[in-house]
């Protein structure tokens, strides 16, 4: 049988894992914005130099990178949700009802991200914004090259 000290250690590890996944998710969201800006700047340079191949390739590559980063982010998001549930369940055993930080945060987490608008406007906003900009860049390139 597992003793209380081992169970508290497991709770601590669950909380550490939550911090790791939350930090990784934030890093991926920031990376998507940075790579988006960098590729869009390169696209503008290609646009001013009329480099047709780059005018098409850069927005496509940027869109693919954004999709890839979004997939990484979804993995972190799903893992985080699992660990919030586990930590909240552990808190039921160890802490009184007024002292359950992960359970409280998990409840708020569900309120914010539990609907489509929370996921679009908060969680996935960086990816959506960058993807829209790449689609706009690709359409602009096609329009300029067909004139």
C-alpha atoms as a PDB file:
ATOM      1  CA  UNK A   1       0.000   0.000   0.000  1.00  0.00           C
ATOM      2  CA  UNK A   2       1.222   3.488  -0.812  1.00  0.00           C
ATOM      3  CA  UNK A   3       1.682   5.734   2.211  1.00  0.00           C
ATOM      4  CA  UNK A   4       0.593   9.370   2.480  1.00  0.00           C
ATOM      5  CA  UNK A   5       4.125  10.703   1.956  1.00  0.00           C
ATOM      6  CA  UNK A   6       4.361   8.882  -1.373  1.00  0.00           C
ATOM      7  CA  UNK A   7       0.934  10.122  -2.376  1.00  0.00           C
ATOM      8  CA  UNK A   8       1.888  13.715  -1.518  1.00  0.00           C
ATOM      9  CA  UNK A   9       5.036  13.255  -3.579  1.00  0.00           C
ATOM     10  CA  UNK A  10       2.878  12.059  -6.496  1.00  0.00           C
ATOM     11  CA  UNK A  11       0.706  15.160  -6.054  1.00  0.00           C
ATOM     12  CA  UNK A  12       3.812  17.341  -6.114  1.00  0.00           C
ATOM     13  CA  UNK A  13       4.984  15.626  -9.297  1.00  0.00           C
ATOM     14  CA  UNK A  14       1.574  16.150 -10.922  1.00  0.00           C
ATOM     15  CA  UNK A  15       1.784  19.862 -10.093  1.00  0.00           C
ATOM     16  CA  UNK A  16       5.342  20.067 -11.471  1.00  0.00           C
ATOM     17  CA  UNK A  17       4.194  18.353 -14.649  1.00  0.00           C
ATOM     18  CA  UNK A  18       1.372  20.871 -14.947  1.00  0.00           C
ATOM     19  CA  UNK A  19       3.853  23.726 -14.715  1.00  0.00           C
ATOM     20  CA  UNK A  20       6.024  22.076 -17.354  1.00  0.00           C
ATOM     21  CA  UNK A  21       3.154  21.576 -19.821  1.00  0.00           C
ATOM     22  CA  UNK A  22       1.773  25.061 -19.205  1.00  0.00           C
ATOM     23  CA  UNK A  23       5.198  26.578 -19.821  1.00  0.00           C
ATOM     24  CA  UNK A  24       5.699  24.435 -22.938  1.00  0.00           C
ATOM     25  CA  UNK A  25       2.301  25.522 -24.271  1.00  0.00           C
ATOM     26  CA  UNK A  26       3.128  29.193 -23.709  1.00  0.00           C
ATOM     27  CA  UNK A  27       6.533  28.732 -25.371  1.00  0.00           C
ATOM     28  CA  UNK A  28       4.935  27.117 -28.423  1.00  0.00           C
ATOM     29  CA  UNK A  29       2.382  29.940 -28.712  1.00  0.00           C
ATOM     30  CA  UNK A  30       5.175  32.532 -28.513  1.00  0.00           C
ATOM     31  CA  UNK A  31       7.262  30.569 -31.024  1.00  0.00           C
ATOM     32  CA  UNK A  32       4.370  30.598 -33.481  1.00  0.00           C
ATOM     33  CA  UNK A  33       4.173  34.384 -33.289  1.00  0.00           C
ATOM     34  CA  UNK A  34       7.950  34.823 -33.636  1.00  0.00           C
ATOM     35  CA  UNK A  35       8.226  32.432 -36.587  1.00  0.00           C
ATOM     36  CA  UNK A  36       5.182  34.073 -38.150  1.00  0.00           C
ATOM     37  CA  UNK A  37       6.666  37.542 -37.922  1.00  0.00           C
ATOM     38  CA  UNK A  38      10.055  36.346 -39.201  1.00  0.00           C
ATOM     39  CA  UNK A  39       8.584  34.563 -42.215  1.00  0.00           C
ATOM     40  CA  UNK A  40       6.211  37.433 -42.978  1.00  0.00           C
ATOM     41  CA  UNK A  41       9.144  39.882 -42.927  1.00  0.00           C
ATOM     42  CA  UNK A  42      11.009  37.605 -45.348  1.00  0.00           C
ATOM     43  CA  UNK A  43       7.865  37.468 -47.500  1.00  0.00           C
ATOM     44  CA  UNK A  44       7.670  41.275 -47.620  1.00  0.00           C
ATOM     45  CA  UNK A  45      11.314  41.384 -48.735  1.00  0.00           C
ATOM     46  CA  UNK A  46      10.560  38.774 -51.436  1.00  0.00           C
ATOM     47  CA  UNK A  47       7.510  40.803 -52.444  1.00  0.00           C
ATOM     48  CA  UNK A  48       9.514  44.016 -52.877  1.00  0.00           C
ATOM     49  CA  UNK A  49      12.133  42.133 -54.910  1.00  0.00           C
ATOM     50  CA  UNK A  50       9.490  40.337 -57.014  1.00  0.00           C
ATOM     51  CA  UNK A  51      10.999  36.933 -56.132  1.00  0.00           C
ATOM     52  CA  UNK A  52       8.062  34.874 -57.394  1.00  0.00           C
ATOM     53  CA  UNK A  53       9.117  31.525 -55.967  1.00  0.00           C
ATOM     54  CA  UNK A  54       9.676  32.963 -52.488  1.00  0.00           C
ATOM     55  CA  UNK A  55       6.467  34.977 -52.675  1.00  0.00           C
ATOM     56  CA  UNK A  56       4.567  31.684 -52.914  1.00  0.00           C
ATOM     57  CA  UNK A  57       6.852  29.375 -50.909  1.00  0.00           C
ATOM     58  CA  UNK A  58       7.208  31.527 -47.782  1.00  0.00           C
ATOM     59  CA  UNK A  59       3.481  31.822 -46.948  1.00  0.00           C
ATOM     60  CA  UNK A  60       2.992  28.098 -47.615  1.00  0.00           C
ATOM     61  CA  UNK A  61       5.976  27.181 -45.421  1.00  0.00           C
ATOM     62  CA  UNK A  62       4.782  29.579 -42.728  1.00  0.00           C
ATOM     63  CA  UNK A  63       1.315  28.067 -42.788  1.00  0.00           C
ATOM     64  CA  UNK A  64       2.770  24.558 -42.497  1.00  0.00           C
ATOM     65  CA  UNK A  65       5.034  25.584 -39.590  1.00  0.00           C
ATOM     66  CA  UNK A  66       2.080  27.227 -37.863  1.00  0.00           C
ATOM     67  CA  UNK A  67       0.008  24.063 -38.252  1.00  0.00           C
ATOM     68  CA  UNK A  68       2.893  21.984 -36.888  1.00  0.00           C
ATOM     69  CA  UNK A  69       3.332  24.244 -33.866  1.00  0.00           C
ATOM     70  CA  UNK A  70      -0.425  24.182 -33.270  1.00  0.00           C
ATOM     71  CA  UNK A  71      -0.347  20.370 -33.227  1.00  0.00           C
ATOM     72  CA  UNK A  72       2.442  20.456 -30.612  1.00  0.00           C
ATOM     73  CA  UNK A  73       0.384  22.905 -28.595  1.00  0.00           C
ATOM     74  CA  UNK A  74      -2.710  20.663 -28.744  1.00  0.00           C
ATOM     75  CA  UNK A  75      -0.679  17.795 -27.323  1.00  0.00           C
ATOM     76  CA  UNK A  76       0.457  19.947 -24.402  1.00  0.00           C
ATOM     77  CA  UNK A  77      -3.071  21.267 -23.882  1.00  0.00           C
ATOM     78  CA  UNK A  78      -4.559  17.769 -23.741  1.00  0.00           C
ATOM     79  CA  UNK A  79      -1.868  16.530 -21.366  1.00  0.00           C
ATOM     80  CA  UNK A  80      -2.412  19.538 -19.131  1.00  0.00           C
ATOM     81  CA  UNK A  81      -6.131  18.793 -18.917  1.00  0.00           C
ATOM     82  CA  UNK A  82      -5.370  15.228 -17.774  1.00  0.00           C
ATOM     83  CA  UNK A  83      -2.979  16.406 -15.063  1.00  0.00           C
ATOM     84  CA  UNK A  84      -5.424  19.052 -13.815  1.00  0.00           C
ATOM     85  CA  UNK A  85      -8.015  16.319 -13.310  1.00  0.00           C
ATOM     86  CA  UNK A  86      -5.532  14.039 -11.561  1.00  0.00           C
ATOM     87  CA  UNK A  87      -4.235  16.790  -9.253  1.00  0.00           C
ATOM     88  CA  UNK A  88      -7.795  17.873  -8.420  1.00  0.00           C
ATOM     89  CA  UNK A  89      -8.694  14.285  -7.521  1.00  0.00           C
ATOM     90  CA  UNK A  90      -5.609  14.012  -5.297  1.00  0.00           C
ATOM     91  CA  UNK A  91      -6.537  17.249  -3.536  1.00  0.00           C
ATOM     92  CA  UNK A  92      -9.870  15.762  -2.516  1.00  0.00           C
ATOM     93  CA  UNK A  93      -7.968  13.274  -0.369  1.00  0.00           C
ATOM     94  CA  UNK A  94      -5.347  15.590   1.103  1.00  0.00           C
ATOM     95  CA  UNK A  95      -6.870  19.036   1.484  1.00  0.00           C
ATOM     96  CA  UNK A  96     -10.003  20.604   2.879  1.00  0.00           C
ATOM     97  CA  UNK A  97     -12.470  21.969   0.364  1.00  0.00           C
ATOM     98  CA  UNK A  98     -11.338  25.586   0.840  1.00  0.00           C
ATOM     99  CA  UNK A  99      -7.703  24.689   0.068  1.00  0.00           C
ATOM    100  CA  UNK A 100      -7.636  22.993  -3.333  1.00  0.00           C
ATOM    101  CA  UNK A 101      -5.765  25.247  -5.776  1.00  0.00           C
ATOM    102  CA  UNK A 102      -5.621  22.816  -8.700  1.00  0.00           C
ATOM    103  CA  UNK A 103      -9.285  21.887  -8.371  1.00  0.00           C
ATOM    104  CA  UNK A 104     -10.224  25.578  -8.323  1.00  0.00           C
ATOM    105  CA  UNK A 105      -8.033  26.338 -11.297  1.00  0.00           C
ATOM    106  CA  UNK A 106      -9.318  23.291 -13.179  1.00  0.00           C
ATOM    107  CA  UNK A 107     -12.867  24.555 -12.690  1.00  0.00           C
ATOM    108  CA  UNK A 108     -11.885  27.985 -14.047  1.00  0.00           C
ATOM    109  CA  UNK A 109      -9.883  26.299 -16.832  1.00  0.00           C
ATOM    110  CA  UNK A 110     -13.025  24.452 -17.940  1.00  0.00           C
ATOM    111  CA  UNK A 111     -15.025  27.698 -17.891  1.00  0.00           C
ATOM    112  CA  UNK A 112     -12.508  29.527 -20.078  1.00  0.00           C
ATOM    113  CA  UNK A 113     -11.524  26.744 -22.488  1.00  0.00           C
ATOM    114  CA  UNK A 114     -14.607  24.540 -22.271  1.00  0.00           C
ATOM    115  CA  UNK A 115     -16.361  26.256 -25.169  1.00  0.00           C
ATOM    116  CA  UNK A 116     -15.411  26.949 -28.757  1.00  0.00           C
ATOM    117  CA  UNK A 117     -15.046  30.716 -28.272  1.00  0.00           C
ATOM    118  CA  UNK A 118     -12.655  30.300 -25.351  1.00  0.00           C
ATOM    119  CA  UNK A 119     -10.497  28.007 -27.415  1.00  0.00           C
ATOM    120  CA  UNK A 120     -10.568  30.254 -30.499  1.00  0.00           C
ATOM    121  CA  UNK A 121     -10.223  33.665 -28.854  1.00  0.00           C
ATOM    122  CA  UNK A 122      -7.790  32.705 -26.099  1.00  0.00           C
ATOM    123  CA  UNK A 123      -6.098  29.370 -26.484  1.00  0.00           C
ATOM    124  CA  UNK A 124      -5.628  29.211 -30.260  1.00  0.00           C
ATOM    125  CA  UNK A 125      -5.578  32.943 -31.016  1.00  0.00           C
ATOM    126  CA  UNK A 126      -1.848  33.194 -31.865  1.00  0.00           C
ATOM    127  CA  UNK A 127      -2.059  30.302 -34.332  1.00  0.00           C
ATOM    128  CA  UNK A 128      -5.248  31.604 -35.876  1.00  0.00           C
ATOM    129  CA  UNK A 129      -3.872  35.124 -36.290  1.00  0.00           C
ATOM    130  CA  UNK A 130      -0.616  33.943 -37.876  1.00  0.00           C
ATOM    131  CA  UNK A 131      -2.425  31.443 -40.130  1.00  0.00           C
ATOM    132  CA  UNK A 132      -4.808  34.169 -41.358  1.00  0.00           C
ATOM    133  CA  UNK A 133      -1.845  36.426 -42.119  1.00  0.00           C
ATOM    134  CA  UNK A 134      -0.146  33.636 -44.107  1.00  0.00           C
ATOM    135  CA  UNK A 135      -3.323  32.949 -46.093  1.00  0.00           C
ATOM    136  CA  UNK A 136      -3.599  36.691 -46.804  1.00  0.00           C
ATOM    137  CA  UNK A 137       0.070  36.755 -47.877  1.00  0.00           C
ATOM    138  CA  UNK A 138      -0.450  33.783 -50.178  1.00  0.00           C
ATOM    139  CA  UNK A 139      -3.549  35.331 -51.755  1.00  0.00           C
ATOM    140  CA  UNK A 140      -1.727  38.634 -52.175  1.00  0.00           C
ATOM    141  CA  UNK A 141       1.206  36.857 -53.838  1.00  0.00           C
ATOM    142  CA  UNK A 142      -1.107  35.032 -56.222  1.00  0.00           C
ATOM    143  CA  UNK A 143      -2.919  38.264 -57.071  1.00  0.00           C
ATOM    144  CA  UNK A 144       0.333  40.180 -57.716  1.00  0.00           C
ATOM    145  CA  UNK A 145       1.832  37.367 -59.814  1.00  0.00           C
ATOM    146  CA  UNK A 146      -1.320  37.096 -61.952  1.00  0.00           C
ATOM    147  CA  UNK A 147      -1.458  40.803 -62.817  1.00  0.00           C
END
